[in-house]
Amino acid sequence: MKHQLEDALLPAPKRAHTLVGARRSAPLTFESALYDELILAILSYLHWTDLCAAQATNRTLARLAADNELWRATFLRTFGLPRLRGVRGFPSREIHPLPKRARQLPLSDERKDWKWMFRISSNWRTGRCRTEHWNDSPIFTGDKQLPVQAILAGSLTITASGNTIHLRDSTQCSHIMACPSHITAMCIDQSAPTSHTQRLAVFLVSGEIIIFSLDPHHLALSTQQMSSTTGGQSQRITQAVYHHPLLAALSDDVSLSIYDVSSSPVVCTQTLTSFTSYPPASMVLSAPNPSSYKLIMCYSMYVYPHHWTVGATELLIAGKEPPPLTRASALSTEDGQPFTTTSTRTMRSITLPFGFIDKHSLAAFKEQWGRKVIGVAATQTDGKWVVLAPQDPGDPGSSSVASSMYSPTTLQLYRLSLSSVQPKLTFVRNLHGQNGPVSSMALADGRCVCLGANGSICVWDLEAGTGTTVAQPLKNVKESSTSGHALVFDERRVITASSQGMIIRSFDV
């Protein structure tokens, strides 16, 4: 007879493994079924608007949709370049989203926030910005007889009026520097920095040239590096470009002076005069290699009998280092001197044909002839693009001046082709969106910013072919109230400065 165990000694009965009534411990979801890498691959196919909307779904998608590498690919696919555009002479700074970018970060934590870079570039396209007013500087005296000049150099904002230079950094620290006489032009050094300081060249009405050494981290340590008076300069300097040790200055009669500022005193190595170039003009300087510089100028050109068009000239300037052996034999002894021009090439938007031409050439010439203007308000170039802003043809004494302050103004966009044997200045398209006459214009890195006489600001992306209005026209504004305004911009800001104060429109929001 078998012995029966008591129930207390028996092990617990096993549960029957059947499909009926079986339940999972956790429900199968989109996030739990797929790896993060696979979800990122799926998100890479989304448009950036859908990518932003996906972040509000749940925590997992909010984390993965903010992936930095994902936004890097989206940024490059949408905007093309791996940096923020709109700056000339200064590389794009590493940025961080708020509030991280407001404090100093260790060097190991510095990286590009591609999502925030995408936001800044998107704000440029839509015109979304934050407006800030500065009128606490001593240069804002309200005297309209003293024009204001402005320069953006990284985190440093430089303004000048009369004989006073005002420096301000991103932390709102400021410093004042005084000059012996009134300032007519100034420019920042665009060469690669060899130290933490930056050079600023200033031209005075007395003909004196002053080179300042600026310390962006300690503004009070900014000092005057050298000062020199150049003889024989009878015309006032209105524009200048600086790539150390080469300094080029343009006078109000469009005479070009080239200076060597490698040591004190400053030496004027060459002066060039043109009989077919008229203001307004602009220029851009670059250094393709250590042995030469490239200076590109655009200016107004007269078209008989009473019209105007735009022209451009490329100047190659010898540097201090000897040129390559392949070119040395082609240069004369005079051309081989440092900081003198070795070659020049000129282009104009209207090319007059010679001899007999066919109907296709005649149609092309008539199209060029139709783009001549009564007057030129501004011309700007960045070395690749040239923009011509026509002048308002209205008579200041007529009753149509008030209406012309808000009438559309069409700008002309041209493309510089300098790589070919025969350089060309080719018309691309018209730029629309500007209302009223043009007061100031700035162009850099394929982006054009235009300030209207009525206070409006328009921005065009010349590479993408888009444009937007950043500031709407002001009501009941007089044309003289915006004349002489300084207009500058970089990859994050647009600044307009006058004797009344400064307005900063920041797209870093």
Protein backbone atom coordinates (compact mmCIF):
# COMPACT_ATOMS: atom_id res chain seq x y z
CA MET A 1 0.00 0.00 0.00
CA LYS A 2 1.39 3.28 -1.10
CA HIS A 3 1.87 6.10 1.31
CA GLN A 4 -0.04 9.28 0.40
CA LEU A 5 1.66 12.56 1.08
CA GLU A 6 -0.15 15.35 2.77
CA ASP A 7 -1.15 18.41 0.75
CA ALA A 8 1.27 20.58 2.68
CA LEU A 9 4.18 18.46 1.49
CA LEU A 10 3.19 18.47 -2.17
CA PRO A 11 4.86 20.99 -4.54
CA ALA A 12 2.76 23.69 -6.16
CA PRO A 13 0.98 22.46 -9.29
CA LYS A 14 2.42 23.70 -12.60
CA ARG A 15 0.41 26.16 -14.69
CA ALA A 16 -0.80 24.74 -17.98
CA HIS A 17 0.93 26.35 -20.96
CA THR A 18 -1.94 27.02 -23.35
CA LEU A 19 -2.61 29.83 -25.89
CA VAL A 20 -6.04 30.42 -24.46
CA GLY A 21 -6.11 33.46 -22.24
CA ALA A 22 -2.38 34.19 -22.63
CA ARG A 23 -1.39 37.83 -22.02
CA ARG A 24 1.90 39.68 -22.51
CA SER A 25 3.47 41.46 -19.62
CA ALA A 26 3.99 44.66 -21.77
CA PRO A 27 2.09 45.67 -24.91
CA LEU A 28 3.99 45.67 -28.21
CA THR A 29 4.55 49.28 -29.36
CA PHE A 30 6.38 51.05 -32.16
CA GLU A 31 9.23 52.00 -29.84
CA SER A 32 9.64 48.62 -28.14
CA ALA A 33 9.49 46.65 -31.38
CA LEU A 34 12.22 48.62 -33.18
CA TYR A 35 15.78 49.58 -32.32
CA ASP A 36 16.71 53.27 -32.02
CA GLU A 37 18.91 52.99 -35.09
CA LEU A 38 15.99 51.74 -37.17
CA ILE A 39 13.71 54.52 -35.90
CA LEU A 40 16.38 57.10 -36.77
CA ALA A 41 16.59 55.64 -40.27
CA ILE A 42 12.82 56.06 -40.62
CA LEU A 43 12.92 59.63 -39.28
CA SER A 44 15.62 60.55 -41.80
CA TYR A 45 13.01 60.35 -44.57
CA LEU A 46 10.71 62.91 -42.92
CA HIS A 47 10.48 66.57 -43.87
CA TRP A 48 11.78 68.91 -41.21
CA THR A 49 8.25 70.11 -40.40
CA ASP A 50 7.14 66.50 -39.76
CA LEU A 51 10.32 65.93 -37.78
CA CYS A 52 9.39 68.77 -35.44
CA ALA A 53 5.82 67.48 -35.13
CA ALA A 54 7.06 63.98 -34.25
CA GLN A 55 8.77 65.31 -31.11
CA ALA A 56 5.37 65.95 -29.51
CA THR A 57 4.29 62.29 -29.87
CA ASN A 58 6.05 60.71 -26.89
CA ARG A 59 9.33 60.77 -25.00
CA THR A 60 11.06 58.27 -27.24
CA LEU A 61 10.36 60.19 -30.44
CA ALA A 62 11.13 63.47 -28.68
CA ARG A 63 14.57 62.08 -27.85
CA LEU A 64 15.29 60.52 -31.22
CA ALA A 65 13.84 63.35 -33.35
CA ALA A 66 16.30 65.75 -31.69
CA ASP A 67 19.32 63.66 -32.69
CA ASN A 68 22.18 65.95 -33.70
CA GLU A 69 23.33 63.78 -36.60
CA LEU A 70 19.77 63.62 -37.92
CA TRP A 71 19.53 67.41 -37.96
CA ARG A 72 22.97 67.67 -39.55
CA ALA A 73 21.74 65.67 -42.53
CA THR A 74 18.54 67.74 -42.62
CA PHE A 75 20.52 71.00 -42.48
CA LEU A 76 22.85 69.99 -45.31
CA ARG A 77 19.96 68.74 -47.42
CA THR A 78 17.99 71.97 -46.95
CA PHE A 79 20.67 74.69 -46.92
CA GLY A 80 23.62 73.03 -48.66
CA LEU A 81 26.57 74.47 -46.73
CA PRO A 82 27.87 73.04 -43.41
CA ARG A 83 27.81 76.48 -41.76
CA LEU A 84 25.70 79.55 -41.23
CA ARG A 85 25.79 81.98 -44.14
CA GLY A 86 26.02 85.73 -44.25
CA VAL A 87 29.42 86.40 -42.72
CA ARG A 88 32.50 87.61 -44.59
CA GLY A 89 35.95 87.28 -43.08
CA PHE A 90 34.94 85.42 -39.91
CA PRO A 91 34.13 81.70 -39.63
CA SER A 92 30.86 80.62 -38.11
CA ARG A 93 31.05 80.25 -34.35
CA GLU A 94 30.09 77.06 -32.53
CA ILE A 95 26.63 77.63 -31.07
CA HIS A 96 24.45 75.98 -28.45
CA PRO A 97 20.70 76.18 -27.85
CA LEU A 98 19.37 78.33 -25.06
CA PRO A 99 20.24 78.50 -22.25
CA LYS A 100 23.60 76.72 -22.78
CA ARG A 101 24.96 79.26 -25.26
CA ALA A 102 24.50 82.04 -22.71
CA ARG A 103 27.34 80.77 -20.50
CA GLN A 104 30.92 79.79 -21.07
CA LEU A 105 31.37 76.11 -21.89
CA PRO A 106 34.55 74.04 -21.68
CA LEU A 107 36.34 73.38 -24.91
CA SER A 108 35.44 69.66 -24.81
CA ASP A 109 31.71 70.49 -24.81
CA GLU A 110 31.89 72.73 -27.86
CA ARG A 111 30.11 71.30 -30.87
CA LYS A 112 27.74 72.43 -33.54
CA ASP A 113 24.09 72.25 -32.61
CA TRP A 114 22.68 71.49 -36.06
CA LYS A 115 19.09 71.82 -34.94
CA TRP A 116 19.71 75.33 -33.67
CA MET A 117 21.65 76.18 -36.81
CA PHE A 118 18.65 74.98 -38.81
CA ARG A 119 16.42 77.24 -36.73
CA ILE A 120 18.61 80.29 -37.37
CA SER A 121 18.75 79.63 -41.12
CA SER A 122 15.00 79.05 -41.20
CA ASN A 123 14.45 82.37 -39.42
CA TRP A 124 16.45 84.09 -42.17
CA ARG A 125 14.11 82.62 -44.80
CA THR A 126 10.93 83.56 -42.97
CA GLY A 127 12.07 86.92 -41.56
CA ARG A 128 11.49 85.92 -37.93
CA CYS A 129 13.74 87.92 -35.60
CA ARG A 130 13.98 89.70 -32.26
CA THR A 131 14.38 93.48 -32.29
CA GLU A 132 16.55 95.35 -29.83
CA HIS A 133 17.35 99.08 -29.61
CA TRP A 134 20.66 100.57 -28.48
CA ASN A 135 20.90 104.30 -27.95
CA ASP A 136 23.16 104.51 -24.90
CA SER A 137 26.39 105.04 -26.82
CA PRO A 138 28.03 108.49 -26.80
CA ILE A 139 28.24 108.39 -30.61
CA PHE A 140 24.43 108.60 -30.85
CA THR A 141 24.24 112.36 -30.50
CA GLY A 142 21.29 112.96 -32.81
CA ASP A 143 23.44 115.13 -35.10
CA LYS A 144 22.58 114.05 -38.65
CA GLN A 145 25.66 115.84 -39.97
CA LEU A 146 27.83 113.09 -38.46
CA PRO A 147 27.17 109.81 -40.27
CA VAL A 148 27.49 106.57 -38.32
CA GLN A 149 29.57 103.60 -39.47
CA ALA A 150 29.25 100.04 -38.18
CA ILE A 151 31.20 96.77 -38.40
CA LEU A 152 30.37 93.30 -37.08
CA ALA A 153 33.47 91.27 -36.17
CA GLY A 154 32.41 88.02 -34.54
CA SER A 155 30.92 88.83 -31.15
CA LEU A 156 32.23 92.40 -31.37
CA THR A 157 30.13 95.33 -32.61
CA ILE A 158 32.11 98.39 -33.73
CA THR A 159 30.41 101.73 -34.36
CA ALA A 160 31.98 105.08 -35.15
CA SER A 161 30.80 108.63 -35.63
CA GLY A 162 32.74 111.87 -35.66
CA ASN A 163 36.08 111.09 -34.02
CA THR A 164 34.76 108.43 -31.60
CA ILE A 165 34.87 104.63 -31.90
CA HIS A 166 32.59 102.56 -29.68
CA LEU A 167 33.30 98.86 -29.02
CA ARG A 168 30.66 96.53 -27.57
CA ASP A 169 30.82 92.77 -27.02
CA SER A 170 28.12 90.13 -26.54
CA THR A 171 28.13 90.64 -22.75
CA GLN A 172 27.24 94.36 -23.21
CA CYS A 173 30.69 95.49 -22.07
CA SER A 174 31.84 98.57 -23.98
CA HIS A 175 34.92 100.67 -24.56
CA ILE A 176 35.46 104.09 -26.16
CA MET A 177 38.43 105.06 -28.35
CA ALA A 178 39.06 108.57 -29.66
CA CYS A 179 40.77 109.70 -32.87
CA PRO A 180 42.45 113.06 -33.62
CA SER A 181 39.90 113.98 -36.33
CA HIS A 182 36.69 112.78 -37.94
CA ILE A 183 36.52 109.22 -39.25
CA THR A 184 35.65 108.75 -42.93
CA ALA A 185 36.06 104.96 -43.26
CA MET A 186 37.10 101.92 -41.26
CA CYS A 187 37.53 98.20 -41.91
CA ILE A 188 38.43 95.07 -39.98
CA ASP A 189 41.29 92.73 -40.86
CA GLN A 190 39.96 89.64 -42.68
CA SER A 191 43.16 87.58 -42.56
CA ALA A 192 43.46 84.47 -40.40
CA PRO A 193 44.15 85.63 -36.83
CA THR A 194 47.59 84.83 -35.45
CA SER A 195 46.62 85.81 -31.89
CA HIS A 196 43.52 86.61 -29.87
CA THR A 197 43.57 90.24 -31.07
CA GLN A 198 42.01 91.77 -34.18
CA ARG A 199 43.22 94.69 -36.30
CA LEU A 200 41.06 97.66 -37.21
CA ALA A 201 42.10 100.19 -39.87
CA VAL A 202 40.66 103.70 -39.57
CA PHE A 203 40.89 106.53 -42.13
CA LEU A 204 40.57 110.12 -40.95
CA VAL A 205 39.52 113.24 -42.78
CA SER A 206 43.03 114.63 -42.22
CA GLY A 207 44.52 111.85 -44.38
CA GLU A 208 45.85 109.91 -41.41
CA ILE A 209 45.62 106.11 -41.18
CA ILE A 210 45.44 104.48 -37.75
CA ILE A 211 45.72 100.73 -37.09
CA PHE A 212 44.14 99.63 -33.80
CA SER A 213 44.72 96.31 -32.06
CA LEU A 214 41.42 95.13 -30.53
CA ASP A 215 41.14 92.58 -27.75
CA PRO A 216 37.62 91.07 -27.91
CA HIS A 217 38.00 89.44 -24.48
CA HIS A 218 39.28 92.58 -22.72
CA LEU A 219 38.08 95.65 -24.60
CA ALA A 220 39.92 98.03 -22.30
CA LEU A 221 43.23 96.54 -23.52
CA SER A 222 42.55 97.65 -27.11
CA THR A 223 45.34 99.99 -28.18
CA GLN A 224 46.62 101.96 -31.15
CA GLN A 225 49.16 99.84 -32.99
CA MET A 226 50.47 102.35 -35.55
CA SER A 227 49.63 105.71 -37.06
CA SER A 228 50.79 107.22 -40.32
CA THR A 229 49.93 110.17 -42.54
CA THR A 230 49.88 109.54 -46.27
CA GLY A 231 50.70 112.49 -48.45
CA GLY A 232 49.11 113.29 -51.78
CA GLN A 233 45.64 111.99 -50.87
CA SER A 234 43.34 114.90 -51.73
CA GLN A 235 40.08 112.96 -51.91
CA ARG A 236 38.19 111.61 -48.92
CA ILE A 237 38.38 107.85 -48.34
CA THR A 238 34.89 106.33 -48.29
CA GLN A 239 35.54 102.57 -48.32
CA ALA A 240 38.37 100.25 -47.37
CA VAL A 241 39.18 96.54 -47.21
CA TYR A 242 41.95 94.99 -45.14
CA HIS A 243 43.76 91.67 -45.42
CA HIS A 244 46.97 92.08 -43.44
CA PRO A 245 49.43 93.32 -44.55
CA LEU A 246 47.51 94.66 -47.58
CA LEU A 247 45.13 97.59 -47.18
CA ALA A 248 43.09 98.95 -50.10
CA ALA A 249 41.12 102.20 -49.93
CA LEU A 250 38.60 103.75 -52.29
CA SER A 251 38.09 107.52 -52.42
CA ASP A 252 34.88 109.34 -53.29
CA ASP A 253 36.10 109.82 -56.88
CA VAL A 254 36.64 106.02 -57.21
CA SER A 255 40.44 106.22 -57.05
CA LEU A 256 42.02 103.10 -55.59
CA SER A 257 45.02 103.29 -53.24
CA ILE A 258 46.98 100.22 -52.14
CA TYR A 259 48.95 100.33 -48.87
CA ASP A 260 51.55 98.15 -47.19
CA VAL A 261 50.86 98.11 -43.44
CA SER A 262 53.37 95.41 -42.50
CA SER A 263 55.42 97.99 -40.60
CA SER A 264 55.29 101.62 -39.57
CA PRO A 265 55.02 103.97 -41.37
CA VAL A 266 52.26 102.88 -43.75
CA VAL A 267 53.49 102.91 -47.36
CA CYS A 268 51.25 103.70 -50.33
CA THR A 269 52.58 101.30 -52.97
CA GLN A 270 50.23 102.20 -55.83
CA THR A 271 47.34 104.48 -56.78
CA LEU A 272 44.98 103.60 -59.61
CA THR A 273 42.59 105.97 -61.39
CA SER A 274 39.60 105.18 -63.60
CA PHE A 275 37.77 107.46 -66.04
CA THR A 276 34.82 105.09 -66.55
CA SER A 277 33.99 104.21 -62.93
CA TYR A 278 31.62 106.26 -60.79
CA PRO A 279 30.16 105.97 -57.29
CA PRO A 280 28.44 104.23 -55.64
CA ALA A 281 30.99 101.43 -55.55
CA SER A 282 31.96 98.50 -53.36
CA MET A 283 34.81 96.03 -53.20
CA VAL A 284 35.84 92.72 -51.65
CA LEU A 285 39.38 91.48 -50.97
CA SER A 286 40.62 87.90 -50.69
CA ALA A 287 43.92 86.01 -50.70
CA PRO A 288 43.74 82.94 -52.99
CA ASN A 289 47.35 82.06 -52.16
CA PRO A 290 50.19 83.56 -50.09
CA SER A 291 51.79 85.18 -53.14
CA SER A 292 48.81 87.18 -54.44
CA TYR A 293 45.61 88.97 -53.52
CA LYS A 294 42.39 89.32 -55.49
CA LEU A 295 40.40 92.56 -55.31
CA ILE A 296 36.99 92.71 -56.97
CA MET A 297 35.23 96.05 -57.38
CA CYS A 298 31.78 96.90 -58.67
CA TYR A 299 30.73 100.43 -59.57
CA SER A 300 28.42 102.54 -61.70
CA MET A 301 29.18 103.00 -65.39
CA TYR A 302 27.82 105.75 -67.61
CA VAL A 303 25.62 104.80 -70.58
CA TYR A 304 25.17 107.44 -73.25
CA PRO A 305 23.19 109.69 -73.32
CA HIS A 306 21.89 109.87 -69.71
CA HIS A 307 21.63 106.39 -68.22
CA TRP A 308 23.68 104.13 -65.96
CA THR A 309 24.57 100.49 -65.56
CA VAL A 310 26.90 98.40 -63.41
CA GLY A 311 30.44 97.24 -64.10
CA ALA A 312 33.05 95.17 -62.28
CA THR A 313 36.84 94.91 -62.27
CA GLU A 314 39.10 92.14 -61.02
CA LEU A 315 42.58 93.16 -59.87
CA LEU A 316 45.32 90.69 -59.02
CA ILE A 317 47.82 92.18 -56.57
CA ALA A 318 51.25 90.74 -55.87
CA GLY A 319 52.00 89.80 -52.28
CA LYS A 320 55.25 89.95 -50.35
CA GLU A 321 56.15 86.36 -51.17
CA PRO A 322 57.64 85.82 -54.64
CA PRO A 323 55.16 84.59 -57.26
CA PRO A 324 55.39 81.06 -58.67
CA LEU A 325 58.11 80.41 -61.25
CA THR A 326 55.52 79.81 -63.95
CA ARG A 327 54.37 83.40 -63.69
CA ALA A 328 57.66 85.08 -62.85
CA SER A 329 58.82 85.13 -66.45
CA ALA A 330 55.63 86.85 -67.56
CA LEU A 331 55.96 89.70 -65.05
CA SER A 332 58.05 92.75 -65.59
CA THR A 333 60.30 94.20 -62.94
CA GLU A 334 57.70 96.80 -61.99
CA ASP A 335 54.86 94.28 -61.84
CA GLY A 336 56.89 92.05 -59.57
CA GLN A 337 57.01 94.65 -56.79
CA PRO A 338 55.02 93.69 -53.68
CA PHE A 339 51.52 95.13 -53.31
CA THR A 340 51.19 96.29 -56.91
CA THR A 341 48.68 95.10 -59.48
CA THR A 342 49.83 92.39 -61.87
CA SER A 343 46.68 92.18 -64.01
CA THR A 344 43.22 93.71 -64.33
CA ARG A 345 40.07 92.50 -66.06
CA THR A 346 36.94 94.61 -66.49
CA MET A 347 33.36 93.52 -67.18
CA ARG A 348 30.19 95.51 -67.82
CA SER A 349 26.55 94.50 -67.93
CA ILE A 350 25.98 96.15 -71.32
CA THR A 351 28.38 94.93 -73.99
CA LEU A 352 28.35 97.07 -77.12
CA PRO A 353 28.70 94.85 -80.22
CA PHE A 354 31.04 95.91 -83.01
CA GLY A 355 30.56 95.40 -86.72
CA PHE A 356 27.54 93.64 -88.16
CA ILE A 357 25.54 91.25 -85.98
CA ASP A 358 22.76 88.73 -86.58
CA LYS A 359 19.25 88.88 -85.17
CA HIS A 360 20.09 86.74 -82.13
CA SER A 361 22.92 89.06 -81.09
CA LEU A 362 20.66 92.05 -81.74
CA ALA A 363 17.94 90.61 -79.50
CA ALA A 364 20.49 89.95 -76.74
CA PHE A 365 21.80 93.52 -76.98
CA LYS A 366 18.28 94.98 -76.84
CA GLU A 367 17.64 92.95 -73.69
CA GLN A 368 20.81 94.36 -72.10
CA TRP A 369 19.94 97.87 -73.22
CA GLY A 370 16.53 97.59 -71.59
CA ARG A 371 18.12 97.12 -68.16
CA LYS A 372 19.79 100.55 -68.05
CA VAL A 373 18.59 102.80 -65.22
CA ILE A 374 18.18 106.53 -64.68
CA GLY A 375 20.35 106.49 -61.57
CA VAL A 376 22.12 104.10 -59.21
CA ALA A 377 21.35 104.11 -55.50
CA ALA A 378 23.76 101.33 -54.48
CA THR A 379 25.97 98.58 -55.89
CA GLN A 380 27.32 95.66 -53.89
CA THR A 381 29.39 92.55 -54.59
CA ASP A 382 30.67 89.57 -52.63
CA GLY A 383 33.02 88.35 -55.34
CA LYS A 384 30.43 86.04 -56.89
CA TRP A 385 27.26 88.11 -57.16
CA VAL A 386 26.68 91.75 -58.09
CA VAL A 387 23.49 93.60 -57.14
CA LEU A 388 22.41 96.93 -58.63
CA ALA A 389 19.81 99.03 -56.82
CA PRO A 390 18.29 101.73 -59.07
CA GLN A 391 17.72 105.23 -57.80
CA ASP A 392 14.25 106.67 -57.42
CA PRO A 393 13.64 108.77 -60.56
CA GLY A 394 11.06 110.97 -58.83
CA ASP A 395 11.72 114.68 -58.54
CA PRO A 396 12.13 115.71 -54.90
CA GLY A 397 10.00 118.77 -55.56
CA SER A 398 7.06 116.90 -57.07
CA SER A 399 3.95 115.66 -55.30
CA SER A 400 4.72 112.06 -56.24
CA VAL A 401 7.50 111.73 -53.68
CA ALA A 402 5.15 110.50 -50.95
CA SER A 403 3.73 107.78 -53.16
CA SER A 404 7.18 106.77 -54.45
CA MET A 405 8.27 106.05 -50.87
CA TYR A 406 6.07 102.95 -50.98
CA SER A 407 6.15 102.01 -54.67
CA PRO A 408 7.92 98.76 -55.66
CA THR A 409 11.62 98.91 -56.51
CA THR A 410 13.21 96.14 -58.57
CA LEU A 411 16.87 95.28 -57.99
CA GLN A 412 19.06 93.63 -60.62
CA LEU A 413 21.14 90.53 -59.85
CA TYR A 414 24.25 89.64 -61.88
CA ARG A 415 26.66 86.71 -61.75
CA LEU A 416 30.42 87.19 -61.98
CA SER A 417 32.26 84.59 -64.05
CA LEU A 418 36.00 85.07 -63.48
CA SER A 419 37.43 81.62 -64.08
CA SER A 420 37.18 81.76 -67.86
CA VAL A 421 39.64 83.48 -70.14
CA GLN A 422 36.98 86.04 -71.03
CA PRO A 423 35.32 87.24 -67.79
CA LYS A 424 31.59 87.89 -67.90
CA LEU A 425 29.01 89.81 -65.94
CA THR A 426 25.79 87.93 -66.66
CA PHE A 427 22.30 89.04 -65.71
CA VAL A 428 20.50 86.38 -63.64
CA ARG A 429 17.15 87.76 -62.51
CA ASN A 430 15.36 90.67 -60.86
CA LEU A 431 14.96 90.85 -57.09
CA HIS A 432 11.43 91.79 -56.07
CA GLY A 433 9.94 92.69 -52.70
CA GLN A 434 11.53 96.06 -51.96
CA ASN A 435 9.03 98.89 -51.55
CA GLY A 436 10.27 102.44 -51.91
CA PRO A 437 13.72 103.84 -52.72
CA VAL A 438 16.85 102.07 -51.46
CA SER A 439 18.78 103.79 -48.68
CA SER A 440 21.53 101.22 -47.98
CA MET A 441 22.46 97.75 -49.17
CA ALA A 442 24.84 95.03 -47.97
CA LEU A 443 25.91 91.80 -49.67
CA ALA A 444 28.01 88.92 -48.33
CA ASP A 445 28.20 85.17 -48.77
CA GLY A 446 25.32 84.98 -51.24
CA ARG A 447 22.91 86.93 -49.02
CA CYS A 448 21.69 90.45 -49.80
CA VAL A 449 20.08 92.79 -47.25
CA CYS A 450 18.43 96.02 -48.38
CA LEU A 451 17.28 98.95 -46.24
CA GLY A 452 14.57 101.08 -47.78
CA ALA A 453 14.17 104.81 -47.35
CA ASN A 454 10.85 104.07 -45.62
CA GLY A 455 12.52 101.87 -42.99
CA SER A 456 11.69 98.51 -44.56
CA ILE A 457 14.28 95.71 -44.67
CA CYS A 458 14.29 92.93 -47.26
CA VAL A 459 16.55 89.87 -47.35
CA TRP A 460 17.31 87.70 -50.39
CA ASP A 461 19.09 84.36 -50.46
CA LEU A 462 20.80 84.60 -53.84
CA GLU A 463 21.86 80.96 -53.85
CA ALA A 464 18.40 79.55 -53.15
CA GLY A 465 16.47 82.24 -55.03
CA THR A 466 14.26 83.14 -52.06
CA GLY A 467 13.45 86.45 -50.39
CA THR A 468 11.47 87.80 -47.47
CA THR A 469 10.63 91.03 -45.66
CA VAL A 470 12.21 91.39 -42.23
CA ALA A 471 10.83 94.85 -41.34
CA GLN A 472 7.70 96.43 -42.75
CA PRO A 473 7.73 100.03 -44.05
CA LEU A 474 7.15 102.75 -41.48
CA LYS A 475 4.21 105.09 -41.86
CA ASN A 476 4.58 108.81 -42.57
CA VAL A 477 8.35 108.57 -42.90
CA LYS A 478 10.43 111.14 -44.73
CA GLU A 479 13.17 110.05 -47.13
CA SER A 480 15.76 112.20 -45.38
CA SER A 481 15.12 110.41 -42.06
CA THR A 482 16.77 107.18 -43.27
CA SER A 483 19.48 108.65 -45.48
CA GLY A 484 23.02 107.89 -44.37
CA HIS A 485 22.07 104.83 -42.31
CA ALA A 486 24.76 102.20 -41.84
CA LEU A 487 23.66 98.65 -42.67
CA VAL A 488 25.72 95.58 -41.72
CA PHE A 489 24.91 91.95 -41.04
CA ASP A 490 26.53 88.65 -40.16
CA GLU A 491 25.21 85.10 -39.85
CA ARG A 492 22.91 86.00 -36.92
CA ARG A 493 22.13 89.71 -36.96
CA VAL A 494 21.15 92.67 -39.09
CA ILE A 495 22.16 96.05 -37.66
CA THR A 496 21.05 99.48 -38.83
CA ALA A 497 22.78 102.44 -37.21
CA SER A 498 22.23 106.18 -37.41
CA SER A 499 22.85 109.22 -35.27
CA GLN A 500 19.61 108.44 -33.40
CA GLY A 501 20.70 104.98 -32.28
CA MET A 502 21.11 101.39 -33.37
CA ILE A 503 18.54 98.68 -34.10
CA ILE A 504 19.65 95.05 -33.84
CA ARG A 505 17.49 92.38 -35.43
CA SER A 506 18.67 88.99 -34.22
CA PHE A 507 17.68 85.74 -35.96
CA ASP A 508 19.21 83.71 -33.13
CA VAL A 509 15.80 83.16 -31.48
